[in-house]
């Protein structure tokens, strides 16, 4: 196990709009000061947003690129709004402004409640086992489960990331999101982020990656990349809390196996590639599946009474 990082080597990019009349963003800044006391805070937001009473070291004011119209089946008759370009601009410009070796990406509506994530980075982050585009694995939270309820949606959870500055730029310094009318539905922002990363490793098109008939091929890309380039850490133990979506940290959400690809799933996948026998995480993965099935059954039965 590597030594736990000191916060003096970390820049925290707090990105997005100044949330909830500054209250949430103020909490975000204060939480970083409390639990990562020597970290550099880069606040990356929009021109015109008020930053008074906020505690930060570097301010990045971006031109708002606006949102995109999007089409997703079953959402408001198919029509929706995609804000990924806003996240992309504020994140990549914040990373570029950072001065420390490591960078954490945190939303303006999220807070830090500890530094438990550094233990996962210490244990799994060092990249010794696979050729790829990053020098060390990037930490991320539990994403949608592409093998369950969200079948075929191969994503990264874009709420939070931690890694080497250069690796974070490799992930985030990508073209702006554009719609492609030939698809049956538009890419989610999280899918677009992950697919751009896959395209660094494999000569594939977005259209091919969206082809349901190629599910097995894309699933193999996903499993390999998630094992060698990323560490999926348990959201409820990460000490990263979304003030806007507090249920993300609930154990019941993790148990909904159909919704979340959990840390136990990632660990089993990691061990499949690198030959470590870890029966405990295999057991947890199966338990999450059955607990999730029971919870879904009870939720559906509730509608009959």
C-alpha atoms as a PDB file:
ATOM      1  CA  UNK A   1       0.000   0.000   0.000  1.00  0.00           C
ATOM      2  CA  UNK A   2       1.317   3.440  -0.918  1.00  0.00           C
ATOM      3  CA  UNK A   3       1.556   6.307   1.548  1.00  0.00           C
ATOM      4  CA  UNK A   4      -1.589   8.416   2.015  1.00  0.00           C
ATOM      5  CA  UNK A   5      -1.353  11.685   0.076  1.00  0.00           C
ATOM      6  CA  UNK A   6      -0.961  14.969   1.936  1.00  0.00           C
ATOM      7  CA  UNK A   7      -3.576  17.581   1.048  1.00  0.00           C
ATOM      8  CA  UNK A   8      -0.826  20.070   0.175  1.00  0.00           C
ATOM      9  CA  UNK A   9      -0.366  18.091  -3.069  1.00  0.00           C
ATOM     10  CA  UNK A  10      -4.041  18.456  -4.052  1.00  0.00           C
ATOM     11  CA  UNK A  11      -5.995  21.094  -5.964  1.00  0.00           C
ATOM     12  CA  UNK A  12      -9.766  20.913  -5.566  1.00  0.00           C
ATOM     13  CA  UNK A  13     -11.665  22.207  -8.597  1.00  0.00           C
ATOM     14  CA  UNK A  14     -15.135  23.227  -7.417  1.00  0.00           C
ATOM     15  CA  UNK A  15     -16.999  23.588 -10.697  1.00  0.00           C
ATOM     16  CA  UNK A  16     -20.409  24.781 -11.802  1.00  0.00           C
ATOM     17  CA  UNK A  17     -22.868  27.557 -11.042  1.00  0.00           C
ATOM     18  CA  UNK A  18     -22.846  29.197  -7.629  1.00  0.00           C
ATOM     19  CA  UNK A  19     -25.495  26.950  -6.138  1.00  0.00           C
ATOM     20  CA  UNK A  20     -28.564  27.705  -4.038  1.00  0.00           C
ATOM     21  CA  UNK A  21     -27.849  31.424  -3.501  1.00  0.00           C
ATOM     22  CA  UNK A  22     -24.210  30.587  -2.562  1.00  0.00           C
ATOM     23  CA  UNK A  23     -25.243  28.433   0.452  1.00  0.00           C
ATOM     24  CA  UNK A  24     -24.286  25.073  -1.056  1.00  0.00           C
ATOM     25  CA  UNK A  25     -21.136  26.422  -2.712  1.00  0.00           C
ATOM     26  CA  UNK A  26     -20.103  28.097   0.526  1.00  0.00           C
ATOM     27  CA  UNK A  27     -20.479  24.755   2.298  1.00  0.00           C
ATOM     28  CA  UNK A  28     -18.427  23.097  -0.444  1.00  0.00           C
ATOM     29  CA  UNK A  29     -15.526  25.521   0.035  1.00  0.00           C
ATOM     30  CA  UNK A  30     -15.642  25.296   3.839  1.00  0.00           C
ATOM     31  CA  UNK A  31     -15.757  21.490   3.751  1.00  0.00           C
ATOM     32  CA  UNK A  32     -12.592  21.357   1.651  1.00  0.00           C
ATOM     33  CA  UNK A  33     -10.837  23.724   4.057  1.00  0.00           C
ATOM     34  CA  UNK A  34     -11.844  21.482   6.964  1.00  0.00           C
ATOM     35  CA  UNK A  35     -10.939  18.047   5.615  1.00  0.00           C
ATOM     36  CA  UNK A  36      -8.201  18.948   3.105  1.00  0.00           C
ATOM     37  CA  UNK A  37      -6.740  21.949   4.973  1.00  0.00           C
ATOM     38  CA  UNK A  38      -3.669  22.497   2.792  1.00  0.00           C
ATOM     39  CA  UNK A  39      -5.383  21.926  -0.548  1.00  0.00           C
ATOM     40  CA  UNK A  40      -5.623  24.644  -3.180  1.00  0.00           C
ATOM     41  CA  UNK A  41      -9.236  25.572  -4.039  1.00  0.00           C
ATOM     42  CA  UNK A  42      -9.988  26.511  -7.651  1.00  0.00           C
ATOM     43  CA  UNK A  43     -13.516  27.861  -8.057  1.00  0.00           C
ATOM     44  CA  UNK A  44     -14.541  27.536 -11.712  1.00  0.00           C
ATOM     45  CA  UNK A  45     -17.910  29.136 -12.444  1.00  0.00           C
ATOM     46  CA  UNK A  46     -19.634  31.549 -14.842  1.00  0.00           C
ATOM     47  CA  UNK A  47     -18.998  35.183 -15.620  1.00  0.00           C
ATOM     48  CA  UNK A  48     -21.508  37.195 -13.606  1.00  0.00           C
ATOM     49  CA  UNK A  49     -21.941  34.681 -10.758  1.00  0.00           C
ATOM     50  CA  UNK A  50     -21.411  36.317  -7.372  1.00  0.00           C
ATOM     51  CA  UNK A  51     -18.528  34.813  -5.401  1.00  0.00           C
ATOM     52  CA  UNK A  52     -18.697  37.045  -2.340  1.00  0.00           C
ATOM     53  CA  UNK A  53     -18.293  35.256   1.011  1.00  0.00           C
ATOM     54  CA  UNK A  54     -16.768  32.212  -0.728  1.00  0.00           C
ATOM     55  CA  UNK A  55     -13.367  30.925   0.419  1.00  0.00           C
ATOM     56  CA  UNK A  56     -11.173  29.989  -2.561  1.00  0.00           C
ATOM     57  CA  UNK A  57      -7.617  30.515  -3.822  1.00  0.00           C
ATOM     58  CA  UNK A  58      -8.114  30.840  -7.589  1.00  0.00           C
ATOM     59  CA  UNK A  59     -11.206  32.055  -9.434  1.00  0.00           C
ATOM     60  CA  UNK A  60     -11.893  30.961 -13.015  1.00  0.00           C
ATOM     61  CA  UNK A  61     -14.784  32.782 -14.695  1.00  0.00           C
ATOM     62  CA  UNK A  62     -16.021  31.024 -17.806  1.00  0.00           C
ATOM     63  CA  UNK A  63     -18.317  32.070 -20.625  1.00  0.00           C
ATOM     64  CA  UNK A  64     -21.471  29.985 -20.264  1.00  0.00           C
ATOM     65  CA  UNK A  65     -21.731  27.747 -23.389  1.00  0.00           C
ATOM     66  CA  UNK A  66     -25.426  27.127 -22.749  1.00  0.00           C
ATOM     67  CA  UNK A  67     -27.312  23.857 -22.867  1.00  0.00           C
ATOM     68  CA  UNK A  68     -28.207  21.500 -25.713  1.00  0.00           C
ATOM     69  CA  UNK A  69     -31.577  20.048 -26.596  1.00  0.00           C
ATOM     70  CA  UNK A  70     -31.546  16.292 -26.222  1.00  0.00           C
ATOM     71  CA  UNK A  71     -33.796  13.325 -26.892  1.00  0.00           C
ATOM     72  CA  UNK A  72     -34.071  10.485 -24.371  1.00  0.00           C
ATOM     73  CA  UNK A  73     -36.793   7.865 -24.550  1.00  0.00           C
ATOM     74  CA  UNK A  74     -39.347   8.157 -21.781  1.00  0.00           C
ATOM     75  CA  UNK A  75     -38.204  11.604 -20.572  1.00  0.00           C
ATOM     76  CA  UNK A  76     -40.771  14.394 -21.048  1.00  0.00           C
ATOM     77  CA  UNK A  77     -41.999  12.871 -24.262  1.00  0.00           C
ATOM     78  CA  UNK A  78     -38.426  12.375 -25.388  1.00  0.00           C
ATOM     79  CA  UNK A  79     -37.319  16.005 -25.147  1.00  0.00           C
ATOM     80  CA  UNK A  80     -34.804  17.021 -22.523  1.00  0.00           C
ATOM     81  CA  UNK A  81     -31.912  19.380 -21.802  1.00  0.00           C
ATOM     82  CA  UNK A  82     -28.246  18.349 -21.789  1.00  0.00           C
ATOM     83  CA  UNK A  83     -25.946  20.557 -19.676  1.00  0.00           C
ATOM     84  CA  UNK A  84     -22.790  18.540 -20.224  1.00  0.00           C
ATOM     85  CA  UNK A  85     -20.937  21.332 -22.066  1.00  0.00           C
ATOM     86  CA  UNK A  86     -21.358  23.541 -19.027  1.00  0.00           C
ATOM     87  CA  UNK A  87     -19.789  20.872 -16.856  1.00  0.00           C
ATOM     88  CA  UNK A  88     -17.048  20.247 -19.415  1.00  0.00           C
ATOM     89  CA  UNK A  89     -16.008  23.904 -19.751  1.00  0.00           C
ATOM     90  CA  UNK A  90     -15.960  24.658 -16.028  1.00  0.00           C
ATOM     91  CA  UNK A  91     -14.142  21.402 -15.241  1.00  0.00           C
ATOM     92  CA  UNK A  92     -11.386  21.497 -17.859  1.00  0.00           C
ATOM     93  CA  UNK A  93     -10.638  25.193 -17.348  1.00  0.00           C
ATOM     94  CA  UNK A  94     -10.516  24.649 -13.595  1.00  0.00           C
ATOM     95  CA  UNK A  95      -8.090  21.733 -14.009  1.00  0.00           C
ATOM     96  CA  UNK A  96      -5.860  23.830 -16.286  1.00  0.00           C
ATOM     97  CA  UNK A  97      -5.727  26.572 -13.634  1.00  0.00           C
ATOM     98  CA  UNK A  98      -4.739  24.131 -10.855  1.00  0.00           C
ATOM     99  CA  UNK A  99      -1.130  24.215  -9.600  1.00  0.00           C
ATOM    100  CA  UNK A 100      -0.869  20.982  -7.623  1.00  0.00           C
ATOM    101  CA  UNK A 101       0.129  17.471  -8.738  1.00  0.00           C
ATOM    102  CA  UNK A 102      -3.294  15.932  -8.008  1.00  0.00           C
ATOM    103  CA  UNK A 103      -6.747  17.314  -8.779  1.00  0.00           C
ATOM    104  CA  UNK A 104     -10.155  16.593  -7.300  1.00  0.00           C
ATOM    105  CA  UNK A 105     -13.226  17.560  -9.324  1.00  0.00           C
ATOM    106  CA  UNK A 106     -16.140  18.540  -7.044  1.00  0.00           C
ATOM    107  CA  UNK A 107     -19.497  20.045  -7.977  1.00  0.00           C
ATOM    108  CA  UNK A 108     -20.576  23.361  -6.468  1.00  0.00           C
ATOM    109  CA  UNK A 109     -23.576  21.568  -4.903  1.00  0.00           C
ATOM    110  CA  UNK A 110     -21.502  18.861  -3.158  1.00  0.00           C
ATOM    111  CA  UNK A 111     -19.396  18.753   0.002  1.00  0.00           C
ATOM    112  CA  UNK A 112     -16.512  16.763   1.472  1.00  0.00           C
ATOM    113  CA  UNK A 113     -17.093  15.062   4.854  1.00  0.00           C
ATOM    114  CA  UNK A 114     -13.681  13.408   5.258  1.00  0.00           C
ATOM    115  CA  UNK A 115     -10.752  12.062   3.255  1.00  0.00           C
ATOM    116  CA  UNK A 116     -11.592   8.357   3.101  1.00  0.00           C
ATOM    117  CA  UNK A 117     -11.231   8.426  -0.696  1.00  0.00           C
ATOM    118  CA  UNK A 118      -7.473   8.908  -0.282  1.00  0.00           C
ATOM    119  CA  UNK A 119      -7.222   5.408   1.225  1.00  0.00           C
ATOM    120  CA  UNK A 120      -8.756   3.939  -1.937  1.00  0.00           C
ATOM    121  CA  UNK A 121      -6.326   5.920  -4.058  1.00  0.00           C
ATOM    122  CA  UNK A 122      -3.439   4.723  -1.927  1.00  0.00           C
ATOM    123  CA  UNK A 123      -4.530   1.098  -2.310  1.00  0.00           C
ATOM    124  CA  UNK A 124      -5.671   0.979  -5.945  1.00  0.00           C
ATOM    125  CA  UNK A 125      -4.550   4.171  -7.675  1.00  0.00           C
ATOM    126  CA  UNK A 126      -0.976   3.228  -8.551  1.00  0.00           C
ATOM    127  CA  UNK A 127      -1.070   2.038 -12.145  1.00  0.00           C
ATOM    128  CA  UNK A 128       1.384  -0.837 -12.508  1.00  0.00           C
ATOM    129  CA  UNK A 129      -0.657  -3.411 -14.386  1.00  0.00           C
ATOM    130  CA  UNK A 130      -1.972  -2.153 -17.720  1.00  0.00           C
ATOM    131  CA  UNK A 131      -0.988  -0.069 -20.727  1.00  0.00           C
ATOM    132  CA  UNK A 132      -3.309   2.879 -21.259  1.00  0.00           C
ATOM    133  CA  UNK A 133      -3.532   6.644 -21.374  1.00  0.00           C
ATOM    134  CA  UNK A 134      -3.258   7.459 -17.661  1.00  0.00           C
ATOM    135  CA  UNK A 135      -0.218   7.259 -15.395  1.00  0.00           C
ATOM    136  CA  UNK A 136      -2.274   6.326 -12.322  1.00  0.00           C
ATOM    137  CA  UNK A 137      -5.865   5.167 -11.983  1.00  0.00           C
ATOM    138  CA  UNK A 138      -8.524   7.865 -11.692  1.00  0.00           C
ATOM    139  CA  UNK A 139     -11.011   7.587  -8.827  1.00  0.00           C
ATOM    140  CA  UNK A 140     -14.711   7.944  -9.580  1.00  0.00           C
ATOM    141  CA  UNK A 141     -18.017   7.135  -7.860  1.00  0.00           C
ATOM    142  CA  UNK A 142     -20.364   4.247  -8.649  1.00  0.00           C
ATOM    143  CA  UNK A 143     -21.886   4.755 -12.126  1.00  0.00           C
ATOM    144  CA  UNK A 144     -25.113   3.556 -13.726  1.00  0.00           C
ATOM    145  CA  UNK A 145     -25.116  -0.192 -14.194  1.00  0.00           C
ATOM    146  CA  UNK A 146     -24.787  -0.889 -17.945  1.00  0.00           C
ATOM    147  CA  UNK A 147     -25.533  -4.571 -17.318  1.00  0.00           C
ATOM    148  CA  UNK A 148     -28.740  -3.938 -15.342  1.00  0.00           C
ATOM    149  CA  UNK A 149     -31.543  -1.376 -15.469  1.00  0.00           C
ATOM    150  CA  UNK A 150     -29.516   0.985 -17.695  1.00  0.00           C
ATOM    151  CA  UNK A 151     -28.367  -1.764 -20.045  1.00  0.00           C
ATOM    152  CA  UNK A 152     -26.041  -0.487 -22.722  1.00  0.00           C
ATOM    153  CA  UNK A 153     -25.445   2.921 -21.091  1.00  0.00           C
ATOM    154  CA  UNK A 154     -21.678   2.695 -20.551  1.00  0.00           C
ATOM    155  CA  UNK A 155     -20.948   5.659 -18.308  1.00  0.00           C
ATOM    156  CA  UNK A 156     -18.659   7.195 -15.779  1.00  0.00           C
ATOM    157  CA  UNK A 157     -20.307   8.906 -12.811  1.00  0.00           C
ATOM    158  CA  UNK A 158     -19.444  12.527 -13.609  1.00  0.00           C
ATOM    159  CA  UNK A 159     -20.224  13.896 -10.135  1.00  0.00           C
ATOM    160  CA  UNK A 160     -16.698  13.518  -8.776  1.00  0.00           C
ATOM    161  CA  UNK A 161     -13.197  12.485  -9.853  1.00  0.00           C
ATOM    162  CA  UNK A 162      -9.729  12.401  -8.326  1.00  0.00           C
ATOM    163  CA  UNK A 163      -6.372  11.781 -10.009  1.00  0.00           C
ATOM    164  CA  UNK A 164      -3.145  13.194 -11.352  1.00  0.00           C
ATOM    165  CA  UNK A 165      -3.645  16.589 -13.001  1.00  0.00           C
ATOM    166  CA  UNK A 166      -2.354  15.327 -16.339  1.00  0.00           C
ATOM    167  CA  UNK A 167      -4.597  12.254 -16.197  1.00  0.00           C
ATOM    168  CA  UNK A 168      -7.602  14.427 -15.380  1.00  0.00           C
ATOM    169  CA  UNK A 169      -6.828  16.554 -18.444  1.00  0.00           C
ATOM    170  CA  UNK A 170      -6.596  13.395 -20.552  1.00  0.00           C
ATOM    171  CA  UNK A 171     -10.128  12.534 -19.419  1.00  0.00           C
ATOM    172  CA  UNK A 172     -11.701  16.000 -19.582  1.00  0.00           C
ATOM    173  CA  UNK A 173      -9.911  17.932 -22.359  1.00  0.00           C
ATOM    174  CA  UNK A 174     -12.266  16.765 -25.118  1.00  0.00           C
ATOM    175  CA  UNK A 175     -14.420  18.440 -27.810  1.00  0.00           C
ATOM    176  CA  UNK A 176     -17.715  20.015 -26.837  1.00  0.00           C
ATOM    177  CA  UNK A 177     -20.777  17.769 -26.925  1.00  0.00           C
ATOM    178  CA  UNK A 178     -22.789  17.867 -30.144  1.00  0.00           C
ATOM    179  CA  UNK A 179     -25.985  16.121 -31.103  1.00  0.00           C
ATOM    180  CA  UNK A 180     -25.905  13.406 -33.739  1.00  0.00           C
ATOM    181  CA  UNK A 181     -29.296  13.091 -35.392  1.00  0.00           C
ATOM    182  CA  UNK A 182     -28.586   9.572 -36.715  1.00  0.00           C
ATOM    183  CA  UNK A 183     -28.838   8.024 -33.245  1.00  0.00           C
ATOM    184  CA  UNK A 184     -32.128   6.686 -31.900  1.00  0.00           C
ATOM    185  CA  UNK A 185     -31.411   8.675 -28.747  1.00  0.00           C
ATOM    186  CA  UNK A 186     -28.788  11.197 -27.712  1.00  0.00           C
ATOM    187  CA  UNK A 187     -25.770  10.272 -25.664  1.00  0.00           C
ATOM    188  CA  UNK A 188     -25.879  11.079 -21.979  1.00  0.00           C
ATOM    189  CA  UNK A 189     -23.110  13.416 -20.907  1.00  0.00           C
ATOM    190  CA  UNK A 190     -21.588  10.605 -18.821  1.00  0.00           C
ATOM    191  CA  UNK A 191     -21.590   8.320 -21.874  1.00  0.00           C
ATOM    192  CA  UNK A 192     -19.976  11.001 -24.022  1.00  0.00           C
ATOM    193  CA  UNK A 193     -17.195  11.417 -21.471  1.00  0.00           C
ATOM    194  CA  UNK A 194     -16.489   7.684 -21.320  1.00  0.00           C
ATOM    195  CA  UNK A 195     -16.754   7.100 -25.075  1.00  0.00           C
ATOM    196  CA  UNK A 196     -14.247   9.880 -25.747  1.00  0.00           C
ATOM    197  CA  UNK A 197     -11.864   8.076 -23.431  1.00  0.00           C
ATOM    198  CA  UNK A 198     -12.423   4.737 -25.206  1.00  0.00           C
ATOM    199  CA  UNK A 199     -11.681   6.459 -28.528  1.00  0.00           C
ATOM    200  CA  UNK A 200      -8.195   7.266 -27.204  1.00  0.00           C
ATOM    201  CA  UNK A 201      -7.599   3.518 -26.850  1.00  0.00           C
ATOM    202  CA  UNK A 202      -9.567   1.995 -29.734  1.00  0.00           C
ATOM    203  CA  UNK A 203     -10.289   3.127 -33.292  1.00  0.00           C
ATOM    204  CA  UNK A 204     -14.071   3.132 -32.989  1.00  0.00           C
ATOM    205  CA  UNK A 205     -16.854   5.548 -33.925  1.00  0.00           C
ATOM    206  CA  UNK A 206     -19.573   6.941 -31.679  1.00  0.00           C
ATOM    207  CA  UNK A 207     -22.138   5.310 -33.960  1.00  0.00           C
ATOM    208  CA  UNK A 208     -20.544   1.897 -33.404  1.00  0.00           C
ATOM    209  CA  UNK A 209     -20.443   2.470 -29.649  1.00  0.00           C
ATOM    210  CA  UNK A 210     -24.177   3.204 -29.697  1.00  0.00           C
ATOM    211  CA  UNK A 211     -24.986   0.044 -31.692  1.00  0.00           C
ATOM    212  CA  UNK A 212     -26.919  -2.342 -29.441  1.00  0.00           C
ATOM    213  CA  UNK A 213     -25.818  -5.272 -31.630  1.00  0.00           C
ATOM    214  CA  UNK A 214     -22.217  -4.545 -30.556  1.00  0.00           C
ATOM    215  CA  UNK A 215     -23.072  -4.799 -26.851  1.00  0.00           C
ATOM    216  CA  UNK A 216     -20.599  -7.616 -26.093  1.00  0.00           C
ATOM    217  CA  UNK A 217     -17.694  -5.815 -27.792  1.00  0.00           C
ATOM    218  CA  UNK A 218     -18.423  -2.529 -26.013  1.00  0.00           C
ATOM    219  CA  UNK A 219     -18.934  -4.351 -22.696  1.00  0.00           C
ATOM    220  CA  UNK A 220     -15.454  -5.829 -23.031  1.00  0.00           C
ATOM    221  CA  UNK A 221     -14.005  -2.346 -23.685  1.00  0.00           C
ATOM    222  CA  UNK A 222     -15.829  -1.099 -20.597  1.00  0.00           C
ATOM    223  CA  UNK A 223     -14.653  -3.890 -18.295  1.00  0.00           C
ATOM    224  CA  UNK A 224     -11.034  -3.622 -19.407  1.00  0.00           C
ATOM    225  CA  UNK A 225     -10.888   0.170 -19.153  1.00  0.00           C
ATOM    226  CA  UNK A 226     -12.671   0.275 -15.791  1.00  0.00           C
ATOM    227  CA  UNK A 227     -10.213  -2.262 -14.364  1.00  0.00           C
ATOM    228  CA  UNK A 228      -7.027  -0.702 -15.687  1.00  0.00           C
ATOM    229  CA  UNK A 229      -7.738   3.037 -15.844  1.00  0.00           C
ATOM    230  CA  UNK A 230     -10.291   3.771 -13.080  1.00  0.00           C
ATOM    231  CA  UNK A 231     -11.175   2.902  -9.496  1.00  0.00           C
ATOM    232  CA  UNK A 232     -14.886   2.863  -8.671  1.00  0.00           C
ATOM    233  CA  UNK A 233     -15.155   3.637  -4.970  1.00  0.00           C
ATOM    234  CA  UNK A 234     -18.296   3.104  -2.841  1.00  0.00           C
ATOM    235  CA  UNK A 235     -20.246   6.352  -2.928  1.00  0.00           C
ATOM    236  CA  UNK A 236     -21.593   5.913   0.597  1.00  0.00           C
ATOM    237  CA  UNK A 237     -18.028   5.549   1.970  1.00  0.00           C
ATOM    238  CA  UNK A 238     -16.357   8.160  -0.209  1.00  0.00           C
ATOM    239  CA  UNK A 239     -16.958  11.171   2.081  1.00  0.00           C
ATOM    240  CA  UNK A 240     -18.364  12.970  -0.982  1.00  0.00           C
ATOM    241  CA  UNK A 241     -21.954  14.083  -0.407  1.00  0.00           C
ATOM    242  CA  UNK A 242     -24.292  15.631  -2.966  1.00  0.00           C
ATOM    243  CA  UNK A 243     -26.474  18.280  -1.322  1.00  0.00           C
ATOM    244  CA  UNK A 244     -28.720  18.329  -4.385  1.00  0.00           C
ATOM    245  CA  UNK A 245     -29.081  14.517  -4.632  1.00  0.00           C
ATOM    246  CA  UNK A 246     -28.578  13.215  -1.068  1.00  0.00           C
ATOM    247  CA  UNK A 247     -30.005   9.747  -1.880  1.00  0.00           C
ATOM    248  CA  UNK A 248     -26.857   8.965  -3.868  1.00  0.00           C
ATOM    249  CA  UNK A 249     -25.192   8.171  -0.543  1.00  0.00           C
ATOM    250  CA  UNK A 250     -27.928   5.817   0.651  1.00  0.00           C
ATOM    251  CA  UNK A 251     -27.129   2.114   0.924  1.00  0.00           C
ATOM    252  CA  UNK A 252     -30.556   1.278  -0.510  1.00  0.00           C
ATOM    253  CA  UNK A 253     -29.583   2.963  -3.795  1.00  0.00           C
ATOM    254  CA  UNK A 254     -26.423   0.850  -3.970  1.00  0.00           C
ATOM    255  CA  UNK A 255     -28.459  -2.289  -3.302  1.00  0.00           C
ATOM    256  CA  UNK A 256     -30.559  -1.551  -6.352  1.00  0.00           C
ATOM    257  CA  UNK A 257     -28.151  -3.605  -8.409  1.00  0.00           C
ATOM    258  CA  UNK A 258     -30.135  -2.804 -11.500  1.00  0.00           C
ATOM    259  CA  UNK A 259     -29.238   0.883 -11.067  1.00  0.00           C
ATOM    260  CA  UNK A 260     -25.623   1.021  -9.842  1.00  0.00           C
ATOM    261  CA  UNK A 261     -22.380  -0.720 -10.824  1.00  0.00           C
ATOM    262  CA  UNK A 262     -20.986  -0.944  -7.295  1.00  0.00           C
ATOM    263  CA  UNK A 263     -17.525  -1.039  -5.776  1.00  0.00           C
ATOM    264  CA  UNK A 264     -17.987  -4.777  -5.242  1.00  0.00           C
ATOM    265  CA  UNK A 265     -18.776  -5.176  -8.955  1.00  0.00           C
ATOM    266  CA  UNK A 266     -15.672  -3.153  -9.834  1.00  0.00           C
ATOM    267  CA  UNK A 267     -13.506  -5.205  -7.448  1.00  0.00           C
ATOM    268  CA  UNK A 268     -14.714  -8.507  -8.942  1.00  0.00           C
ATOM    269  CA  UNK A 269     -14.044  -7.124 -12.430  1.00  0.00           C
ATOM    270  CA  UNK A 270     -10.592  -5.884 -11.359  1.00  0.00           C
ATOM    271  CA  UNK A 271      -9.733  -9.293  -9.940  1.00  0.00           C
ATOM    272  CA  UNK A 272     -10.882 -11.030 -13.125  1.00  0.00           C
ATOM    273  CA  UNK A 273      -8.210  -9.122 -15.037  1.00  0.00           C
ATOM    274  CA  UNK A 274      -5.418  -9.179 -12.489  1.00  0.00           C
ATOM    275  CA  UNK A 275      -5.772 -12.636 -11.015  1.00  0.00           C
ATOM    276  CA  UNK A 276      -6.544 -11.856  -7.378  1.00  0.00           C
ATOM    277  CA  UNK A 277      -9.016 -14.229  -5.730  1.00  0.00           C
ATOM    278  CA  UNK A 278     -11.415 -12.122  -3.684  1.00  0.00           C
ATOM    279  CA  UNK A 279     -14.381 -14.261  -2.698  1.00  0.00           C
ATOM    280  CA  UNK A 280     -15.635 -11.661  -0.216  1.00  0.00           C
ATOM    281  CA  UNK A 281     -16.391  -9.061  -2.908  1.00  0.00           C
ATOM    282  CA  UNK A 282     -17.920 -11.724  -5.133  1.00  0.00           C
ATOM    283  CA  UNK A 283     -20.239 -12.544  -2.230  1.00  0.00           C
ATOM    284  CA  UNK A 284     -21.082  -8.847  -1.704  1.00  0.00           C
ATOM    285  CA  UNK A 285     -21.789  -8.455  -5.411  1.00  0.00           C
ATOM    286  CA  UNK A 286     -24.245 -11.363  -5.359  1.00  0.00           C
ATOM    287  CA  UNK A 287     -25.870 -10.078  -2.147  1.00  0.00           C
ATOM    288  CA  UNK A 288     -26.344  -6.644  -3.737  1.00  0.00           C
ATOM    289  CA  UNK A 289     -28.002  -8.283  -6.714  1.00  0.00           C
ATOM    290  CA  UNK A 290     -30.485 -10.270  -4.613  1.00  0.00           C
ATOM    291  CA  UNK A 291     -31.175  -7.392  -2.220  1.00  0.00           C
ATOM    292  CA  UNK A 292     -31.778  -5.151  -5.214  1.00  0.00           C
ATOM    293  CA  UNK A 293     -34.178  -7.669  -6.736  1.00  0.00           C
ATOM    294  CA  UNK A 294     -36.113  -7.854  -3.447  1.00  0.00           C
ATOM    295  CA  UNK A 295     -36.298  -4.057  -3.121  1.00  0.00           C
ATOM    296  CA  UNK A 296     -37.507  -3.687  -6.716  1.00  0.00           C
ATOM    297  CA  UNK A 297     -40.119  -6.407  -6.152  1.00  0.00           C
ATOM    298  CA  UNK A 298     -41.413  -4.663  -3.007  1.00  0.00           C
ATOM    299  CA  UNK A 299     -41.536  -1.301  -4.789  1.00  0.00           C
ATOM    300  CA  UNK A 300     -43.608  -2.801  -7.595  1.00  0.00           C
ATOM    301  CA  UNK A 301     -45.890  -4.677  -5.201  1.00  0.00           C
ATOM    302  CA  UNK A 302     -46.565  -1.449  -3.326  1.00  0.00           C
ATOM    303  CA  UNK A 303     -48.504  -0.201  -6.334  1.00  0.00           C
ATOM    304  CA  UNK A 304     -50.985  -3.073  -6.033  1.00  0.00           C
ATOM    305  CA  UNK A 305     -52.120  -2.218  -2.470  1.00  0.00           C
END
